[in-house]
Amino acid sequence: MTANAVQGDRERCAAAGMKDFVATPIESEQLWQALVRSMRPRQGLPVPAIPTAAAVPSLAAGTILRGLAGNLGASPLQAWPPSWRRP
């Protein structure tokens, strides 16, 4: 994965030995395709289907922060400026 996405970067990465290339901004479909291409299925197991964008859940920042608050305790998040917090 790279933040560089100028013409020729894909070729330079391949020449350096990279097996795939995902540039930013990351499109979930492209990332899934790159991951599936890089994984080798175990013998006898079916290759998983690549999920569509509609099947991949979207996590809002508030959902992620609430999850962190539950795992870390609320105190680190309460120290953030009010403008960073959402109800």
PDB file of N, CA and C in Angstrom:
ATOM      1  N   MET A   1       0.861  -1.148   0.000  1.00  0.00           N
ATOM      2  CA  MET A   1       0.000   0.000   0.000  1.00  0.00           C
ATOM      3  C   MET A   1       0.914   1.219   0.000  1.00  0.00           C
ATOM      4  N   THR A   2       0.540   2.227  -0.740  1.00  0.00           N
ATOM      5  CA  THR A   2       1.369   3.415  -0.833  1.00  0.00           C
ATOM      6  C   THR A   2       0.526   4.673  -0.952  1.00  0.00           C
ATOM      7  N   ALA A   3       1.074   5.768  -0.466  1.00  0.00           N
ATOM      8  CA  ALA A   3       0.421   7.063  -0.643  1.00  0.00           C
ATOM      9  C   ALA A   3       0.825   7.669  -1.978  1.00  0.00           C
ATOM     10  N   ASN A   4       1.863   7.128  -2.588  1.00  0.00           N
ATOM     11  CA  ASN A   4       2.265   7.605  -3.908  1.00  0.00           C
ATOM     12  C   ASN A   4       1.383   6.958  -4.953  1.00  0.00           C
ATOM     13  N   ALA A   5       0.828   7.754  -5.800  1.00  0.00           N
ATOM     14  CA  ALA A   5      -0.048   7.205  -6.832  1.00  0.00           C
ATOM     15  C   ALA A   5       0.194   7.917  -8.153  1.00  0.00           C
ATOM     16  N   VAL A   6       1.445   8.288  -8.397  1.00  0.00           N
ATOM     17  CA  VAL A   6       1.751   8.928  -9.669  1.00  0.00           C
ATOM     18  C   VAL A   6       2.054   7.860 -10.703  1.00  0.00           C
ATOM     19  N   GLN A   7       1.942   8.256 -11.949  1.00  0.00           N
ATOM     20  CA  GLN A   7       2.145   7.299 -13.030  1.00  0.00           C
ATOM     21  C   GLN A   7       3.531   6.671 -12.902  1.00  0.00           C
ATOM     22  N   GLY A   8       3.603   5.378 -13.015  1.00  0.00           N
ATOM     23  CA  GLY A   8       4.854   4.651 -12.940  1.00  0.00           C
ATOM     24  C   GLY A   8       5.136   4.038 -11.585  1.00  0.00           C
ATOM     25  N   ASP A   9       4.414   4.447 -10.539  1.00  0.00           N
ATOM     26  CA  ASP A   9       4.654   3.881  -9.210  1.00  0.00           C
ATOM     27  C   ASP A   9       4.348   2.391  -9.165  1.00  0.00           C
ATOM     28  N   ARG A  10       3.259   1.987  -9.798  1.00  0.00           N
ATOM     29  CA  ARG A  10       2.898   0.566  -9.810  1.00  0.00           C
ATOM     30  C   ARG A  10       4.032  -0.263 -10.418  1.00  0.00           C
ATOM     31  N   GLU A  11       4.585   0.209 -11.517  1.00  0.00           N
ATOM     32  CA  GLU A  11       5.663  -0.518 -12.191  1.00  0.00           C
ATOM     33  C   GLU A  11       6.926  -0.544 -11.330  1.00  0.00           C
ATOM     34  N   ARG A  12       7.261   0.580 -10.680  1.00  0.00           N
ATOM     35  CA  ARG A  12       8.448   0.618  -9.817  1.00  0.00           C
ATOM     36  C   ARG A  12       8.278  -0.314  -8.620  1.00  0.00           C
ATOM     37  N   CYS A  13       7.088  -0.359  -8.068  1.00  0.00           N
ATOM     38  CA  CYS A  13       6.835  -1.260  -6.939  1.00  0.00           C
ATOM     39  C   CYS A  13       6.956  -2.719  -7.372  1.00  0.00           C
ATOM     40  N   ALA A  14       6.411  -3.043  -8.537  1.00  0.00           N
ATOM     41  CA  ALA A  14       6.515  -4.415  -9.054  1.00  0.00           C
ATOM     42  C   ALA A  14       7.975  -4.771  -9.306  1.00  0.00           C
ATOM     43  N   ALA A  15       8.751  -3.836  -9.855  1.00  0.00           N
ATOM     44  CA  ALA A  15      10.170  -4.091 -10.118  1.00  0.00           C
ATOM     45  C   ALA A  15      10.950  -4.290  -8.823  1.00  0.00           C
ATOM     46  N   ALA A  16      10.476  -3.689  -7.733  1.00  0.00           N
ATOM     47  CA  ALA A  16      11.136  -3.829  -6.434  1.00  0.00           C
ATOM     48  C   ALA A  16      10.736  -5.119  -5.723  1.00  0.00           C
ATOM     49  N   GLY A  17       9.793  -5.877  -6.302  1.00  0.00           N
ATOM     50  CA  GLY A  17       9.401  -7.157  -5.722  1.00  0.00           C
ATOM     51  C   GLY A  17       8.047  -7.180  -5.047  1.00  0.00           C
ATOM     52  N   MET A  18       7.334  -6.062  -5.065  1.00  0.00           N
ATOM     53  CA  MET A  18       5.994  -6.067  -4.476  1.00  0.00           C
ATOM     54  C   MET A  18       5.070  -6.916  -5.331  1.00  0.00           C
ATOM     55  N   LYS A  19       4.192  -7.650  -4.682  1.00  0.00           N
ATOM     56  CA  LYS A  19       3.289  -8.536  -5.406  1.00  0.00           C
ATOM     57  C   LYS A  19       2.010  -7.849  -5.840  1.00  0.00           C
ATOM     58  N   ASP A  20       1.666  -6.732  -5.205  1.00  0.00           N
ATOM     59  CA  ASP A  20       0.446  -6.018  -5.560  1.00  0.00           C
ATOM     60  C   ASP A  20       0.610  -4.568  -5.179  1.00  0.00           C
ATOM     61  N   PHE A  21      -0.383  -3.764  -5.496  1.00  0.00           N
ATOM     62  CA  PHE A  21      -0.289  -2.314  -5.324  1.00  0.00           C
ATOM     63  C   PHE A  21      -1.670  -1.764  -5.012  1.00  0.00           C
ATOM     64  N   VAL A  22      -1.791  -1.044  -3.911  1.00  0.00           N
ATOM     65  CA  VAL A  22      -3.034  -0.358  -3.569  1.00  0.00           C
ATOM     66  C   VAL A  22      -2.645   1.068  -3.201  1.00  0.00           C
ATOM     67  N   ALA A  23      -3.118   2.023  -3.981  1.00  0.00           N
ATOM     68  CA  ALA A  23      -2.787   3.426  -3.733  1.00  0.00           C
ATOM     69  C   ALA A  23      -3.889   4.092  -2.925  1.00  0.00           C
ATOM     70  N   THR A  24      -3.533   5.180  -2.275  1.00  0.00           N
ATOM     71  CA  THR A  24      -4.535   5.959  -1.562  1.00  0.00           C
ATOM     72  C   THR A  24      -5.111   7.011  -2.483  1.00  0.00           C
ATOM     73  N   PRO A  25      -6.329   7.406  -2.314  1.00  0.00           N
ATOM     74  CA  PRO A  25      -7.268   6.958  -1.287  1.00  0.00           C
ATOM     75  C   PRO A  25      -7.691   5.516  -1.551  1.00  0.00           C
ATOM     76  N   ILE A  26      -7.758   4.748  -0.504  1.00  0.00           N
ATOM     77  CA  ILE A  26      -8.025   3.315  -0.623  1.00  0.00           C
ATOM     78  C   ILE A  26      -9.493   3.077  -0.933  1.00  0.00           C
ATOM     79  N   GLU A  27      -9.725   2.318  -1.972  1.00  0.00           N
ATOM     80  CA  GLU A  27     -11.073   1.859  -2.317  1.00  0.00           C
ATOM     81  C   GLU A  27     -11.208   0.460  -1.728  1.00  0.00           C
ATOM     82  N   SER A  28     -12.245   0.218  -0.923  1.00  0.00           N
ATOM     83  CA  SER A  28     -12.378  -1.066  -0.233  1.00  0.00           C
ATOM     84  C   SER A  28     -12.385  -2.245  -1.198  1.00  0.00           C
ATOM     85  N   GLU A  29     -13.005  -2.083  -2.352  1.00  0.00           N
ATOM     86  CA  GLU A  29     -13.051  -3.176  -3.331  1.00  0.00           C
ATOM     87  C   GLU A  29     -11.647  -3.522  -3.821  1.00  0.00           C
ATOM     88  N   GLN A  30     -10.826  -2.511  -4.107  1.00  0.00           N
ATOM     89  CA  GLN A  30      -9.453  -2.751  -4.564  1.00  0.00           C
ATOM     90  C   GLN A  30      -8.625  -3.414  -3.470  1.00  0.00           C
ATOM     91  N   LEU A  31      -8.806  -2.975  -2.222  1.00  0.00           N
ATOM     92  CA  LEU A  31      -8.066  -3.570  -1.116  1.00  0.00           C
ATOM     93  C   LEU A  31      -8.434  -5.035  -0.944  1.00  0.00           C
ATOM     94  N   TRP A  32      -9.741  -5.354  -0.962  1.00  0.00           N
ATOM     95  CA  TRP A  32     -10.175  -6.749  -0.841  1.00  0.00           C
ATOM     96  C   TRP A  32      -9.605  -7.595  -1.966  1.00  0.00           C
ATOM     97  N   GLN A  33      -9.641  -7.084  -3.184  1.00  0.00           N
ATOM     98  CA  GLN A  33      -9.108  -7.842  -4.317  1.00  0.00           C
ATOM     99  C   GLN A  33      -7.616  -8.115  -4.130  1.00  0.00           C
ATOM    100  N   ALA A  34      -6.867  -7.124  -3.680  1.00  0.00           N
ATOM    101  CA  ALA A  34      -5.431  -7.310  -3.449  1.00  0.00           C
ATOM    102  C   ALA A  34      -5.187  -8.333  -2.342  1.00  0.00           C
ATOM    103  N   LEU A  35      -5.973  -8.275  -1.269  1.00  0.00           N
ATOM    104  CA  LEU A  35      -5.812  -9.238  -0.179  1.00  0.00           C
ATOM    105  C   LEU A  35      -6.130 -10.656  -0.628  1.00  0.00           C
ATOM    106  N   VAL A  36      -7.214 -10.822  -1.362  1.00  0.00           N
ATOM    107  CA  VAL A  36      -7.595 -12.158  -1.832  1.00  0.00           C
ATOM    108  C   VAL A  36      -6.536 -12.705  -2.781  1.00  0.00           C
ATOM    109  N   ARG A  37      -5.998 -11.855  -3.646  1.00  0.00           N
ATOM    110  CA  ARG A  37      -4.951 -12.320  -4.571  1.00  0.00           C
ATOM    111  C   ARG A  37      -3.699 -12.763  -3.822  1.00  0.00           C
ATOM    112  N   SER A  38      -3.422 -12.153  -2.671  1.00  0.00           N
ATOM    113  CA  SER A  38      -2.189 -12.478  -1.954  1.00  0.00           C
ATOM    114  C   SER A  38      -2.331 -13.680  -1.027  1.00  0.00           C
ATOM    115  N   MET A  39      -3.558 -14.088  -0.725  1.00  0.00           N
ATOM    116  CA  MET A  39      -3.771 -15.226   0.165  1.00  0.00           C
ATOM    117  C   MET A  39      -3.831 -16.521  -0.629  1.00  0.00           C
ATOM    118  N   ARG A  40      -3.278 -17.539  -0.038  1.00  0.00           N
ATOM    119  CA  ARG A  40      -3.347 -18.864  -0.655  1.00  0.00           C
ATOM    120  C   ARG A  40      -4.321 -19.711   0.155  1.00  0.00           C
ATOM    121  N   PRO A  41      -5.368 -20.215  -0.486  1.00  0.00           N
ATOM    122  CA  PRO A  41      -6.324 -21.034   0.270  1.00  0.00           C
ATOM    123  C   PRO A  41      -5.697 -22.367   0.675  1.00  0.00           C
ATOM    124  N   ARG A  42      -6.136 -22.871   1.801  1.00  0.00           N
ATOM    125  CA  ARG A  42      -5.677 -24.190   2.230  1.00  0.00           C
ATOM    126  C   ARG A  42      -6.280 -25.231   1.306  1.00  0.00           C
ATOM    127  N   GLN A  43      -5.593 -26.313   1.152  1.00  0.00           N
ATOM    128  CA  GLN A  43      -6.070 -27.382   0.289  1.00  0.00           C
ATOM    129  C   GLN A  43      -7.449 -27.834   0.733  1.00  0.00           C
ATOM    130  N   GLY A  44      -8.365 -27.927  -0.208  1.00  0.00           N
ATOM    131  CA  GLY A  44      -9.696 -28.425   0.065  1.00  0.00           C
ATOM    132  C   GLY A  44     -10.686 -27.372   0.530  1.00  0.00           C
ATOM    133  N   LEU A  45     -10.221 -26.153   0.791  1.00  0.00           N
ATOM    134  CA  LEU A  45     -11.133 -25.103   1.223  1.00  0.00           C
ATOM    135  C   LEU A  45     -11.481 -24.212   0.038  1.00  0.00           C
ATOM    136  N   PRO A  46     -12.722 -23.772  -0.048  1.00  0.00           N
ATOM    137  CA  PRO A  46     -13.104 -22.905  -1.164  1.00  0.00           C
ATOM    138  C   PRO A  46     -12.478 -21.516  -1.029  1.00  0.00           C
ATOM    139  N   VAL A  47     -12.234 -20.876  -2.146  1.00  0.00           N
ATOM    140  CA  VAL A  47     -11.728 -19.508  -2.155  1.00  0.00           C
ATOM    141  C   VAL A  47     -12.888 -18.581  -1.802  1.00  0.00           C
ATOM    142  N   PRO A  48     -12.705 -17.703  -0.809  1.00  0.00           N
ATOM    143  CA  PRO A  48     -13.815 -16.826  -0.416  1.00  0.00           C
ATOM    144  C   PRO A  48     -14.146 -15.818  -1.506  1.00  0.00           C
ATOM    145  N   ALA A  49     -15.414 -15.473  -1.581  1.00  0.00           N
ATOM    146  CA  ALA A  49     -15.852 -14.457  -2.536  1.00  0.00           C
ATOM    147  C   ALA A  49     -15.444 -13.084  -2.022  1.00  0.00           C
ATOM    148  N   ILE A  50     -15.149 -12.183  -2.925  1.00  0.00           N
ATOM    149  CA  ILE A  50     -14.810 -10.819  -2.549  1.00  0.00           C
ATOM    150  C   ILE A  50     -16.108 -10.094  -2.230  1.00  0.00           C
ATOM    151  N   PRO A  51     -16.216  -9.531  -1.012  1.00  0.00           N
ATOM    152  CA  PRO A  51     -17.469  -8.859  -0.667  1.00  0.00           C
ATOM    153  C   PRO A  51     -17.667  -7.593  -1.493  1.00  0.00           C
ATOM    154  N   THR A  52     -18.904  -7.284  -1.765  1.00  0.00           N
ATOM    155  CA  THR A  52     -19.209  -6.042  -2.467  1.00  0.00           C
ATOM    156  C   THR A  52     -19.141  -4.894  -1.468  1.00  0.00           C
ATOM    157  N   ALA A  53     -19.064  -3.689  -1.969  1.00  0.00           N
ATOM    158  CA  ALA A  53     -18.994  -2.521  -1.093  1.00  0.00           C
ATOM    159  C   ALA A  53     -20.207  -2.466  -0.170  1.00  0.00           C
ATOM    160  N   ALA A  54     -21.358  -2.903  -0.647  1.00  0.00           N
ATOM    161  CA  ALA A  54     -22.572  -2.881   0.168  1.00  0.00           C
ATOM    162  C   ALA A  54     -22.485  -3.878   1.327  1.00  0.00           C
ATOM    163  N   ALA A  55     -21.700  -4.948   1.165  1.00  0.00           N
ATOM    164  CA  ALA A  55     -21.596  -5.972   2.196  1.00  0.00           C
ATOM    165  C   ALA A  55     -20.567  -5.624   3.265  1.00  0.00           C
ATOM    166  N   VAL A  56     -19.693  -4.646   3.001  1.00  0.00           N
ATOM    167  CA  VAL A  56     -18.669  -4.261   3.960  1.00  0.00           C
ATOM    168  C   VAL A  56     -19.225  -3.140   4.827  1.00  0.00           C
ATOM    169  N   PRO A  57     -19.313  -3.367   6.144  1.00  0.00           N
ATOM    170  CA  PRO A  57     -19.899  -2.334   6.996  1.00  0.00           C
ATOM    171  C   PRO A  57     -19.013  -1.099   7.058  1.00  0.00           C
ATOM    172  N   SER A  58     -19.652   0.039   7.144  1.00  0.00           N
ATOM    173  CA  SER A  58     -18.940   1.307   7.272  1.00  0.00           C
ATOM    174  C   SER A  58     -18.969   1.711   8.738  1.00  0.00           C
ATOM    175  N   LEU A  59     -17.816   2.049   9.279  1.00  0.00           N
ATOM    176  CA  LEU A  59     -17.749   2.449  10.679  1.00  0.00           C
ATOM    177  C   LEU A  59     -17.550   3.952  10.762  1.00  0.00           C
ATOM    178  N   ALA A  60     -18.475   4.612  11.398  1.00  0.00           N
ATOM    179  CA  ALA A  60     -18.358   6.053  11.609  1.00  0.00           C
ATOM    180  C   ALA A  60     -17.377   6.308  12.746  1.00  0.00           C
ATOM    181  N   ALA A  61     -16.773   7.480  12.754  1.00  0.00           N
ATOM    182  CA  ALA A  61     -15.800   7.817  13.790  1.00  0.00           C
ATOM    183  C   ALA A  61     -16.407   7.683  15.184  1.00  0.00           C
ATOM    184  N   GLY A  62     -17.657   8.083  15.343  1.00  0.00           N
ATOM    185  CA  GLY A  62     -18.306   7.974  16.649  1.00  0.00           C
ATOM    186  C   GLY A  62     -18.404   6.542  17.124  1.00  0.00           C
ATOM    187  N   THR A  63     -18.689   5.627  16.215  1.00  0.00           N
ATOM    188  CA  THR A  63     -18.769   4.208  16.564  1.00  0.00           C
ATOM    189  C   THR A  63     -17.411   3.700  17.023  1.00  0.00           C
ATOM    190  N   ILE A  64     -16.369   4.092  16.314  1.00  0.00           N
ATOM    191  CA  ILE A  64     -15.018   3.660  16.674  1.00  0.00           C
ATOM    192  C   ILE A  64     -14.628   4.229  18.033  1.00  0.00           C
ATOM    193  N   LEU A  65     -14.902   5.523  18.252  1.00  0.00           N
ATOM    194  CA  LEU A  65     -14.547   6.142  19.528  1.00  0.00           C
ATOM    195  C   LEU A  65     -15.313   5.524  20.688  1.00  0.00           C
ATOM    196  N   ARG A  66     -16.597   5.218  20.481  1.00  0.00           N
ATOM    197  CA  ARG A  66     -17.366   4.564  21.546  1.00  0.00           C
ATOM    198  C   ARG A  66     -16.779   3.187  21.845  1.00  0.00           C
ATOM    199  N   GLY A  67     -16.314   2.480  20.822  1.00  0.00           N
ATOM    200  CA  GLY A  67     -15.673   1.189  21.040  1.00  0.00           C
ATOM    201  C   GLY A  67     -14.384   1.332  21.825  1.00  0.00           C
ATOM    202  N   LEU A  68     -13.598   2.362  21.499  1.00  0.00           N
ATOM    203  CA  LEU A  68     -12.373   2.611  22.252  1.00  0.00           C
ATOM    204  C   LEU A  68     -12.684   2.957  23.695  1.00  0.00           C
ATOM    205  N   ALA A  69     -13.708   3.750  23.904  1.00  0.00           N
ATOM    206  CA  ALA A  69     -14.083   4.128  25.266  1.00  0.00           C
ATOM    207  C   ALA A  69     -14.433   2.890  26.072  1.00  0.00           C
ATOM    208  N   GLY A  70     -15.107   1.938  25.441  1.00  0.00           N
ATOM    209  CA  GLY A  70     -15.465   0.714  26.143  1.00  0.00           C
ATOM    210  C   GLY A  70     -14.257  -0.137  26.461  1.00  0.00           C
ATOM    211  N   ASN A  71     -13.243  -0.125  25.592  1.00  0.00           N
ATOM    212  CA  ASN A  71     -12.052  -0.942  25.803  1.00  0.00           C
ATOM    213  C   ASN A  71     -11.014  -0.262  26.684  1.00  0.00           C
ATOM    214  N   LEU A  72     -10.915   1.057  26.615  1.00  0.00           N
ATOM    215  CA  LEU A  72      -9.872   1.780  27.333  1.00  0.00           C
ATOM    216  C   LEU A  72     -10.376   2.513  28.561  1.00  0.00           C
ATOM    217  N   GLY A  73     -11.672   2.604  28.707  1.00  0.00           N
ATOM    218  CA  GLY A  73     -12.234   3.454  29.738  1.00  0.00           C
ATOM    219  C   GLY A  73     -12.467   4.833  29.137  1.00  0.00           C
ATOM    220  N   ALA A  74     -13.399   5.559  29.681  1.00  0.00           N
ATOM    221  CA  ALA A  74     -13.788   6.835  29.082  1.00  0.00           C
ATOM    222  C   ALA A  74     -12.788   7.947  29.350  1.00  0.00           C
ATOM    223  N   SER A  75     -11.957   7.867  30.383  1.00  0.00           N
ATOM    224  CA  SER A  75     -11.117   9.000  30.774  1.00  0.00           C
ATOM    225  C   SER A  75     -10.200   9.521  29.668  1.00  0.00           C
ATOM    226  N   PRO A  76      -9.490   8.695  28.881  1.00  0.00           N
ATOM    227  CA  PRO A  76      -8.645   9.270  27.831  1.00  0.00           C
ATOM    228  C   PRO A  76      -9.458  10.052  26.802  1.00  0.00           C
ATOM    229  N   LEU A  77     -10.652   9.578  26.490  1.00  0.00           N
ATOM    230  CA  LEU A  77     -11.474  10.255  25.494  1.00  0.00           C
ATOM    231  C   LEU A  77     -12.095  11.526  26.037  1.00  0.00           C
ATOM    232  N   GLN A  78     -12.369  11.576  27.337  1.00  0.00           N
ATOM    233  CA  GLN A  78     -12.953  12.779  27.925  1.00  0.00           C
ATOM    234  C   GLN A  78     -11.954  13.927  27.951  1.00  0.00           C
ATOM    235  N   ALA A  79     -10.664  13.624  27.872  1.00  0.00           N
ATOM    236  CA  ALA A  79      -9.636  14.661  27.871  1.00  0.00           C
ATOM    237  C   ALA A  79      -9.545  15.371  26.523  1.00  0.00           C
ATOM    238  N   TRP A  80     -10.152  14.825  25.495  1.00  0.00           N
ATOM    239  CA  TRP A  80     -10.114  15.446  24.171  1.00  0.00           C
ATOM    240  C   TRP A  80     -10.954  16.715  24.172  1.00  0.00           C
ATOM    241  N   PRO A  81     -10.579  17.703  23.377  1.00  0.00           N
ATOM    242  CA  PRO A  81     -11.387  18.929  23.292  1.00  0.00           C
ATOM    243  C   PRO A  81     -12.823  18.601  22.883  1.00  0.00           C
ATOM    244  N   PRO A  82     -13.791  19.352  23.406  1.00  0.00           N
ATOM    245  CA  PRO A  82     -15.201  19.090  23.069  1.00  0.00           C
ATOM    246  C   PRO A  82     -15.474  19.123  21.570  1.00  0.00           C
ATOM    247  N   SER A  83     -14.713  19.927  20.832  1.00  0.00           N
ATOM    248  CA  SER A  83     -14.953  20.010  19.388  1.00  0.00           C
ATOM    249  C   SER A  83     -14.627  18.702  18.684  1.00  0.00           C
ATOM    250  N   TRP A  84     -13.843  17.835  19.321  1.00  0.00           N
ATOM    251  CA  TRP A  84     -13.490  16.548  18.714  1.00  0.00           C
ATOM    252  C   TRP A  84     -14.521  15.480  19.018  1.00  0.00           C
ATOM    253  N   ARG A  85     -15.350  15.731  20.010  1.00  0.00           N
ATOM    254  CA  ARG A  85     -16.298  14.710  20.448  1.00  0.00           C
ATOM    255  C   ARG A  85     -17.650  14.904  19.785  1.00  0.00           C
ATOM    256  N   ARG A  86     -18.325  13.796  19.592  1.00  0.00           N
ATOM    257  CA  ARG A  86     -19.699  13.823  19.093  1.00  0.00           C
ATOM    258  C   ARG A  86     -20.580  13.143  20.113  1.00  0.00           C
ATOM    259  N   PRO A  87     -21.826  13.600  20.228  1.00  0.00           N
ATOM    260  CA  PRO A  87     -22.724  12.971  21.216  1.00  0.00           C
ATOM    261  C   PRO A  87     -23.019  11.536  20.865  1.00  0.00           C
TER     262      PRO A  87
END
